Amino acid sequence: MGMMKGVGPVDVASPVLLVHPMGFGADYWSASTGRNVVAVTLPGYGTAPGPFTVRSVIDALVDAAAGAGGGGAVDVVGVSLGARLAVLLAAERPELVRSLAISGLGADPAPVASALRVLALRLMPSSALTQRSSQASKGAAVATARAMRGVRIVPVLPQITVPTMVWWGDRDTPTERPSRAAAAAIPGARLDVVPGGGHLWTRDDPAEFERRLGVWLRAVGD
């Protein structure tokens, strides 16, 4: 898995691990001088060795968290696909996660919807999947959709034991219900509504992301 150190929105005392959405790699996050901020490029994206499978991704995130934390826990931030993976990491290896912040968490899709998404991605022109990031590819998108189609996040949410922030951009209508449900299901989780935020508001408005992440990290004792 590729990693980019010094990439992210804030300079913080404890390590922050950033997990990107589908269609991007570590280049999703704005560059900064944050020495303790590490953005990962998931298996199969960019030059990171594949294939993308749920097991390979979680193992890679475990390695990244352990490496960034240097024996301690890290703050994990995930968007969309990254949010789902961050939840799985926090549930499986809570000792590696000091806090969790997620945005753009979608609903668990029905099997038919998952199969249709894979088909749609296979039929989509490659250019439509690579125009926003040089680390994206059609093959990575299809492999990701196939790997994630059987993953159910809802049953995992009550298992989360770390402090959790759920961000929801109020223009991202499809994720409102699952975001609110996640905040209710995760013990002690907070819901923070981002006015005017779309699905990828963390990229569209990096200054606002930096501000909200800073507030969250201070709240959990950074």
C-alpha atoms as a PDB file:
ATOM      1  CA  MET A   1       0.000   0.000   0.000  1.00  0.00           C
ATOM      2  CA  GLY A   2       1.312   3.447  -0.863  1.00  0.00           C
ATOM      3  CA  MET A   3       1.654   6.060   1.847  1.00  0.00           C
ATOM      4  CA  MET A   4       2.304   9.774   1.648  1.00  0.00           C
ATOM      5  CA  LYS A   5       3.684  11.416   4.763  1.00  0.00           C
ATOM      6  CA  GLY A   6       3.188  15.099   5.284  1.00  0.00           C
ATOM      7  CA  VAL A   7      -0.092  15.020   3.350  1.00  0.00           C
ATOM      8  CA  GLY A   8      -3.263  16.200   4.986  1.00  0.00           C
ATOM      9  CA  PRO A   9      -4.918  19.244   6.439  1.00  0.00           C
ATOM     10  CA  VAL A  10      -3.369  19.878   9.845  1.00  0.00           C
ATOM     11  CA  ASP A  11      -0.153  19.653  11.823  1.00  0.00           C
ATOM     12  CA  VAL A  12      -1.051  17.599  14.881  1.00  0.00           C
ATOM     13  CA  ALA A  13       0.738  16.010  17.801  1.00  0.00           C
ATOM     14  CA  SER A  14      -0.685  12.510  17.429  1.00  0.00           C
ATOM     15  CA  PRO A  15      -0.600  10.628  14.093  1.00  0.00           C
ATOM     16  CA  VAL A  16      -3.598  10.929  11.773  1.00  0.00           C
ATOM     17  CA  LEU A  17      -4.316   8.250   9.161  1.00  0.00           C
ATOM     18  CA  LEU A  18      -6.386   9.381   6.156  1.00  0.00           C
ATOM     19  CA  VAL A  19      -8.321   6.834   4.057  1.00  0.00           C
ATOM     20  CA  HIS A  20      -9.517   7.990   0.636  1.00  0.00           C
ATOM     21  CA  PRO A  21     -12.768   7.321  -1.251  1.00  0.00           C
ATOM     22  CA  MET A  22     -13.136   5.357  -4.468  1.00  0.00           C
ATOM     23  CA  GLY A  23     -11.904   7.216  -7.511  1.00  0.00           C
ATOM     24  CA  PHE A  24      -8.876   8.705  -5.767  1.00  0.00           C
ATOM     25  CA  GLY A  25      -5.672   7.740  -4.026  1.00  0.00           C
ATOM     26  CA  ALA A  26      -3.703   9.610  -1.407  1.00  0.00           C
ATOM     27  CA  ASP A  27      -3.936  12.604  -3.754  1.00  0.00           C
ATOM     28  CA  TYR A  28      -7.507  13.105  -2.527  1.00  0.00           C
ATOM     29  CA  TRP A  29      -6.181  15.074   0.436  1.00  0.00           C
ATOM     30  CA  SER A  30      -4.796  18.587   0.219  1.00  0.00           C
ATOM     31  CA  ALA A  31      -1.050  18.903   0.758  1.00  0.00           C
ATOM     32  CA  SER A  32       0.248  20.472   3.943  1.00  0.00           C
ATOM     33  CA  THR A  33       3.230  20.392   6.219  1.00  0.00           C
ATOM     34  CA  GLY A  34       1.555  18.121   8.755  1.00  0.00           C
ATOM     35  CA  ARG A  35       4.471  15.880   9.728  1.00  0.00           C
ATOM     36  CA  ASN A  36       2.266  13.403  11.570  1.00  0.00           C
ATOM     37  CA  VAL A  37      -0.446  13.128   8.939  1.00  0.00           C
ATOM     38  CA  VAL A  38      -0.254  10.021   6.740  1.00  0.00           C
ATOM     39  CA  ALA A  39      -2.492   9.477   3.708  1.00  0.00           C
ATOM     40  CA  VAL A  40      -2.691   5.944   2.378  1.00  0.00           C
ATOM     41  CA  THR A  41      -3.214   4.758  -1.173  1.00  0.00           C
ATOM     42  CA  LEU A  42      -5.260   1.585  -0.980  1.00  0.00           C
ATOM     43  CA  PRO A  43      -4.158  -1.672  -2.667  1.00  0.00           C
ATOM     44  CA  GLY A  44      -4.758  -1.606  -6.405  1.00  0.00           C
ATOM     45  CA  TYR A  45      -4.765   2.195  -6.624  1.00  0.00           C
ATOM     46  CA  GLY A  46      -1.880   4.174  -8.078  1.00  0.00           C
ATOM     47  CA  THR A  47       1.329   2.200  -7.682  1.00  0.00           C
ATOM     48  CA  ALA A  48       0.135   0.355  -4.565  1.00  0.00           C
ATOM     49  CA  PRO A  49       0.256  -3.416  -5.188  1.00  0.00           C
ATOM     50  CA  GLY A  50      -3.129  -5.098  -5.568  1.00  0.00           C
ATOM     51  CA  PRO A  51      -5.458  -6.731  -5.671  1.00  0.00           C
ATOM     52  CA  PHE A  52      -8.077  -4.862  -3.695  1.00  0.00           C
ATOM     53  CA  THR A  53      -9.795  -7.281  -1.335  1.00  0.00           C
ATOM     54  CA  VAL A  54     -11.346  -6.530   2.019  1.00  0.00           C
ATOM     55  CA  ARG A  55      -8.723  -8.637   3.784  1.00  0.00           C
ATOM     56  CA  SER A  56      -5.794  -7.113   1.930  1.00  0.00           C
ATOM     57  CA  VAL A  57      -7.064  -3.597   2.604  1.00  0.00           C
ATOM     58  CA  ILE A  58      -7.665  -4.131   6.323  1.00  0.00           C
ATOM     59  CA  ASP A  59      -4.260  -5.776   6.683  1.00  0.00           C
ATOM     60  CA  ALA A  60      -2.678  -2.833   4.874  1.00  0.00           C
ATOM     61  CA  LEU A  61      -4.493  -0.336   7.099  1.00  0.00           C
ATOM     62  CA  VAL A  62      -3.373  -2.262  10.179  1.00  0.00           C
ATOM     63  CA  ASP A  63       0.221  -2.018   8.957  1.00  0.00           C
ATOM     64  CA  ALA A  64      -0.162   1.685   8.176  1.00  0.00           C
ATOM     65  CA  ALA A  65      -1.748   2.457  11.545  1.00  0.00           C
ATOM     66  CA  ALA A  66       0.876   0.473  13.426  1.00  0.00           C
ATOM     67  CA  GLY A  67       3.667   2.157  11.492  1.00  0.00           C
ATOM     68  CA  ALA A  68       2.279   5.662  11.870  1.00  0.00           C
ATOM     69  CA  GLY A  69       1.491   5.150  15.537  1.00  0.00           C
ATOM     70  CA  GLY A  70       4.912   3.809  16.434  1.00  0.00           C
ATOM     71  CA  GLY A  71       3.388   1.508  19.013  1.00  0.00           C
ATOM     72  CA  GLY A  72       0.539   3.837  19.940  1.00  0.00           C
ATOM     73  CA  ALA A  73      -2.924   4.488  18.529  1.00  0.00           C
ATOM     74  CA  VAL A  74      -3.747   6.844  15.649  1.00  0.00           C
ATOM     75  CA  ASP A  75      -6.682   9.067  14.747  1.00  0.00           C
ATOM     76  CA  VAL A  76      -8.353   7.614  11.643  1.00  0.00           C
ATOM     77  CA  VAL A  77     -10.306   9.660   9.097  1.00  0.00           C
ATOM     78  CA  GLY A  78     -12.217   8.032   6.230  1.00  0.00           C
ATOM     79  CA  VAL A  79     -14.474   9.335   3.456  1.00  0.00           C
ATOM     80  CA  SER A  80     -17.114   7.292   1.609  1.00  0.00           C
ATOM     81  CA  LEU A  81     -15.347   3.988   0.810  1.00  0.00           C
ATOM     82  CA  GLY A  82     -12.671   5.123   3.266  1.00  0.00           C
ATOM     83  CA  ALA A  83     -15.336   5.597   5.921  1.00  0.00           C
ATOM     84  CA  ARG A  84     -16.509   2.005   5.541  1.00  0.00           C
ATOM     85  CA  LEU A  85     -12.954   0.710   5.728  1.00  0.00           C
ATOM     86  CA  ALA A  86     -12.164   2.893   8.731  1.00  0.00           C
ATOM     87  CA  VAL A  87     -15.183   1.448  10.566  1.00  0.00           C
ATOM     88  CA  LEU A  88     -13.974  -2.091   9.835  1.00  0.00           C
ATOM     89  CA  LEU A  89     -10.486  -1.221  11.073  1.00  0.00           C
ATOM     90  CA  ALA A  90     -11.796   0.324  14.299  1.00  0.00           C
ATOM     91  CA  ALA A  91     -14.011  -2.687  14.965  1.00  0.00           C
ATOM     92  CA  GLU A  92     -11.307  -5.254  14.278  1.00  0.00           C
ATOM     93  CA  ARG A  93      -8.303  -3.523  15.820  1.00  0.00           C
ATOM     94  CA  PRO A  94      -9.527  -0.900  18.318  1.00  0.00           C
ATOM     95  CA  GLU A  95      -6.151  -0.836  20.065  1.00  0.00           C
ATOM     96  CA  LEU A  96      -4.709   0.833  16.966  1.00  0.00           C
ATOM     97  CA  VAL A  97      -7.387   3.539  16.719  1.00  0.00           C
ATOM     98  CA  ARG A  98      -7.457   6.452  19.159  1.00  0.00           C
ATOM     99  CA  SER A  99     -10.447   8.083  17.479  1.00  0.00           C
ATOM    100  CA  LEU A 100     -12.533   7.719  14.331  1.00  0.00           C
ATOM    101  CA  ALA A 101     -13.937  10.428  12.049  1.00  0.00           C
ATOM    102  CA  ILE A 102     -16.029   9.420   9.042  1.00  0.00           C
ATOM    103  CA  SER A 103     -17.878  11.267   6.293  1.00  0.00           C
ATOM    104  CA  GLY A 104     -20.041  10.219   3.372  1.00  0.00           C
ATOM    105  CA  LEU A 105     -20.978   6.866   4.880  1.00  0.00           C
ATOM    106  CA  GLY A 106     -23.501   5.260   2.567  1.00  0.00           C
ATOM    107  CA  ALA A 107     -26.145   2.658   3.270  1.00  0.00           C
ATOM    108  CA  ASP A 108     -25.438  -1.064   3.014  1.00  0.00           C
ATOM    109  CA  PRO A 109     -26.555  -1.821  -0.562  1.00  0.00           C
ATOM    110  CA  ALA A 110     -28.880  -4.641  -1.470  1.00  0.00           C
ATOM    111  CA  PRO A 111     -27.241  -7.527  -3.385  1.00  0.00           C
ATOM    112  CA  VAL A 112     -28.960  -6.557  -6.639  1.00  0.00           C
ATOM    113  CA  ALA A 113     -27.824  -2.948  -6.303  1.00  0.00           C
ATOM    114  CA  SER A 114     -24.262  -4.092  -5.633  1.00  0.00           C
ATOM    115  CA  ALA A 115     -24.260  -6.311  -8.722  1.00  0.00           C
ATOM    116  CA  LEU A 116     -25.655  -3.496 -10.850  1.00  0.00           C
ATOM    117  CA  ARG A 117     -22.951  -1.148  -9.616  1.00  0.00           C
ATOM    118  CA  VAL A 118     -20.233  -3.581 -10.668  1.00  0.00           C
ATOM    119  CA  LEU A 119     -21.847  -3.882 -14.101  1.00  0.00           C
ATOM    120  CA  ALA A 120     -22.165  -0.110 -14.439  1.00  0.00           C
ATOM    121  CA  LEU A 121     -18.499   0.384 -13.586  1.00  0.00           C
ATOM    122  CA  ARG A 122     -17.455  -2.262 -16.114  1.00  0.00           C
ATOM    123  CA  LEU A 123     -19.410  -0.449 -18.834  1.00  0.00           C
ATOM    124  CA  MET A 124     -18.232   3.032 -17.869  1.00  0.00           C
ATOM    125  CA  PRO A 125     -15.483   4.671 -19.952  1.00  0.00           C
ATOM    126  CA  SER A 126     -12.125   4.575 -18.199  1.00  0.00           C
ATOM    127  CA  SER A 127     -11.805   8.334 -18.597  1.00  0.00           C
ATOM    128  CA  ALA A 128     -14.843   8.872 -16.392  1.00  0.00           C
ATOM    129  CA  LEU A 129     -13.084   7.063 -13.541  1.00  0.00           C
ATOM    130  CA  THR A 130      -9.670   8.651 -13.905  1.00  0.00           C
ATOM    131  CA  GLN A 131     -10.443  12.303 -14.614  1.00  0.00           C
ATOM    132  CA  ARG A 132     -10.205  13.378 -10.980  1.00  0.00           C
ATOM    133  CA  SER A 133      -7.138  11.410  -9.925  1.00  0.00           C
ATOM    134  CA  SER A 134      -4.086   9.883 -11.573  1.00  0.00           C
ATOM    135  CA  GLN A 135      -4.174   7.177  -8.903  1.00  0.00           C
ATOM    136  CA  ALA A 136      -7.614   5.917  -9.932  1.00  0.00           C
ATOM    137  CA  SER A 137      -8.342   3.329 -12.607  1.00  0.00           C
ATOM    138  CA  LYS A 138     -11.274   1.409 -13.999  1.00  0.00           C
ATOM    139  CA  GLY A 139      -9.739  -1.855 -12.824  1.00  0.00           C
ATOM    140  CA  ALA A 140      -9.384  -0.555  -9.272  1.00  0.00           C
ATOM    141  CA  ALA A 141     -12.969   0.702  -9.229  1.00  0.00           C
ATOM    142  CA  VAL A 142     -14.391  -2.605 -10.469  1.00  0.00           C
ATOM    143  CA  ALA A 143     -12.251  -4.621  -8.042  1.00  0.00           C
ATOM    144  CA  THR A 144     -13.340  -2.365  -5.186  1.00  0.00           C
ATOM    145  CA  ALA A 145     -17.031  -2.684  -6.017  1.00  0.00           C
ATOM    146  CA  ARG A 146     -16.733  -6.466  -6.277  1.00  0.00           C
ATOM    147  CA  ALA A 147     -14.854  -6.760  -2.997  1.00  0.00           C
ATOM    148  CA  MET A 148     -17.217  -4.495  -1.066  1.00  0.00           C
ATOM    149  CA  ARG A 149     -20.543  -5.817  -2.352  1.00  0.00           C
ATOM    150  CA  GLY A 150     -20.923  -8.347   0.451  1.00  0.00           C
ATOM    151  CA  VAL A 151     -19.689  -6.059   3.223  1.00  0.00           C
ATOM    152  CA  ARG A 152     -22.298  -4.973   5.745  1.00  0.00           C
ATOM    153  CA  ILE A 153     -21.382  -2.057   7.989  1.00  0.00           C
ATOM    154  CA  VAL A 154     -24.586  -1.723  10.017  1.00  0.00           C
ATOM    155  CA  PRO A 155     -23.975  -4.825  12.192  1.00  0.00           C
ATOM    156  CA  VAL A 156     -20.432  -3.601  12.922  1.00  0.00           C
ATOM    157  CA  LEU A 157     -21.362  -0.126  14.164  1.00  0.00           C
ATOM    158  CA  PRO A 158     -22.365  -1.093  17.738  1.00  0.00           C
ATOM    159  CA  GLN A 159     -18.967  -2.801  18.121  1.00  0.00           C
ATOM    160  CA  ILE A 160     -17.069   0.492  17.795  1.00  0.00           C
ATOM    161  CA  THR A 161     -15.567   1.424  21.167  1.00  0.00           C
ATOM    162  CA  VAL A 162     -13.425   4.433  20.228  1.00  0.00           C
ATOM    163  CA  PRO A 163     -14.550   8.085  20.227  1.00  0.00           C
ATOM    164  CA  THR A 164     -16.302   8.664  16.906  1.00  0.00           C
ATOM    165  CA  MET A 165     -17.327  11.683  14.850  1.00  0.00           C
ATOM    166  CA  VAL A 166     -19.804  11.286  11.988  1.00  0.00           C
ATOM    167  CA  TRP A 167     -19.783  14.195   9.537  1.00  0.00           C
ATOM    168  CA  TRP A 168     -22.670  14.670   7.121  1.00  0.00           C
ATOM    169  CA  GLY A 169     -22.718  17.304   4.379  1.00  0.00           C
ATOM    170  CA  ASP A 170     -26.323  18.448   4.174  1.00  0.00           C
ATOM    171  CA  ARG A 171     -26.273  18.470   0.359  1.00  0.00           C
ATOM    172  CA  ASP A 172     -25.324  14.781   0.335  1.00  0.00           C
ATOM    173  CA  THR A 173     -28.915  13.559   0.543  1.00  0.00           C
ATOM    174  CA  PRO A 174     -28.287   9.817  -0.004  1.00  0.00           C
ATOM    175  CA  THR A 175     -26.027   9.580   3.042  1.00  0.00           C
ATOM    176  CA  GLU A 176     -28.220  11.483   5.499  1.00  0.00           C
ATOM    177  CA  ARG A 177     -30.120   8.489   6.834  1.00  0.00           C
ATOM    178  CA  PRO A 178     -27.105   6.127   7.117  1.00  0.00           C
ATOM    179  CA  SER A 179     -25.005   8.900   8.687  1.00  0.00           C
ATOM    180  CA  ARG A 180     -27.623   9.648  11.319  1.00  0.00           C
ATOM    181  CA  ALA A 181     -28.141   5.937  11.908  1.00  0.00           C
ATOM    182  CA  ALA A 182     -24.395   5.402  12.339  1.00  0.00           C
ATOM    183  CA  ALA A 183     -24.151   8.221  14.874  1.00  0.00           C
ATOM    184  CA  ALA A 184     -27.023   6.640  16.802  1.00  0.00           C
ATOM    185  CA  ALA A 185     -25.634   3.097  16.604  1.00  0.00           C
ATOM    186  CA  ILE A 186     -22.022   3.775  17.605  1.00  0.00           C
ATOM    187  CA  PRO A 187     -21.826   4.187  21.383  1.00  0.00           C
ATOM    188  CA  GLY A 188     -21.108   7.811  22.276  1.00  0.00           C
ATOM    189  CA  ALA A 189     -20.699   8.955  18.663  1.00  0.00           C
ATOM    190  CA  ARG A 190     -21.314  12.563  17.643  1.00  0.00           C
ATOM    191  CA  LEU A 191     -23.054  13.803  14.499  1.00  0.00           C
ATOM    192  CA  ASP A 192     -21.766  17.036  12.950  1.00  0.00           C
ATOM    193  CA  VAL A 193     -23.795  18.509  10.064  1.00  0.00           C
ATOM    194  CA  VAL A 194     -21.767  20.448   7.482  1.00  0.00           C
ATOM    195  CA  PRO A 195     -23.978  23.162   5.923  1.00  0.00           C
ATOM    196  CA  GLY A 196     -23.694  23.198   2.142  1.00  0.00           C
ATOM    197  CA  GLY A 197     -21.406  20.162   2.132  1.00  0.00           C
ATOM    198  CA  GLY A 198     -21.625  17.606  -0.649  1.00  0.00           C
ATOM    199  CA  HIS A 199     -20.404  14.032  -0.676  1.00  0.00           C
ATOM    200  CA  LEU A 200     -16.765  15.075  -1.043  1.00  0.00           C
ATOM    201  CA  TRP A 201     -16.862  18.296   0.984  1.00  0.00           C
ATOM    202  CA  THR A 202     -13.627  17.221   2.692  1.00  0.00           C
ATOM    203  CA  ARG A 203     -11.892  17.781  -0.666  1.00  0.00           C
ATOM    204  CA  ASP A 204     -14.047  20.591  -2.024  1.00  0.00           C
ATOM    205  CA  ASP A 205     -13.511  22.764   1.063  1.00  0.00           C
ATOM    206  CA  PRO A 206     -10.160  21.781   2.608  1.00  0.00           C
ATOM    207  CA  ALA A 207     -10.142  24.806   4.929  1.00  0.00           C
ATOM    208  CA  GLU A 208     -13.451  23.746   6.462  1.00  0.00           C
ATOM    209  CA  PHE A 209     -12.223  20.168   6.728  1.00  0.00           C
ATOM    210  CA  GLU A 210      -9.084  21.392   8.470  1.00  0.00           C
ATOM    211  CA  ARG A 211     -11.153  23.433  10.906  1.00  0.00           C
ATOM    212  CA  ARG A 212     -13.580  20.646  11.753  1.00  0.00           C
ATOM    213  CA  LEU A 213     -10.847  18.050  12.057  1.00  0.00           C
ATOM    214  CA  GLY A 214      -8.920  20.342  14.373  1.00  0.00           C
ATOM    215  CA  VAL A 215     -11.985  20.840  16.555  1.00  0.00           C
ATOM    216  CA  TRP A 216     -12.524  17.084  16.692  1.00  0.00           C
ATOM    217  CA  LEU A 217      -8.924  16.246  17.546  1.00  0.00           C
ATOM    218  CA  ARG A 218      -8.899  18.812  20.347  1.00  0.00           C
ATOM    219  CA  ALA A 219     -12.142  17.351  21.660  1.00  0.00           C
ATOM    220  CA  VAL A 220     -10.577  13.899  21.939  1.00  0.00           C
ATOM    221  CA  GLY A 221      -7.551  15.284  23.700  1.00  0.00           C
ATOM    222  CA  ASP A 222      -4.962  15.935  21.009  1.00  0.00           C
END
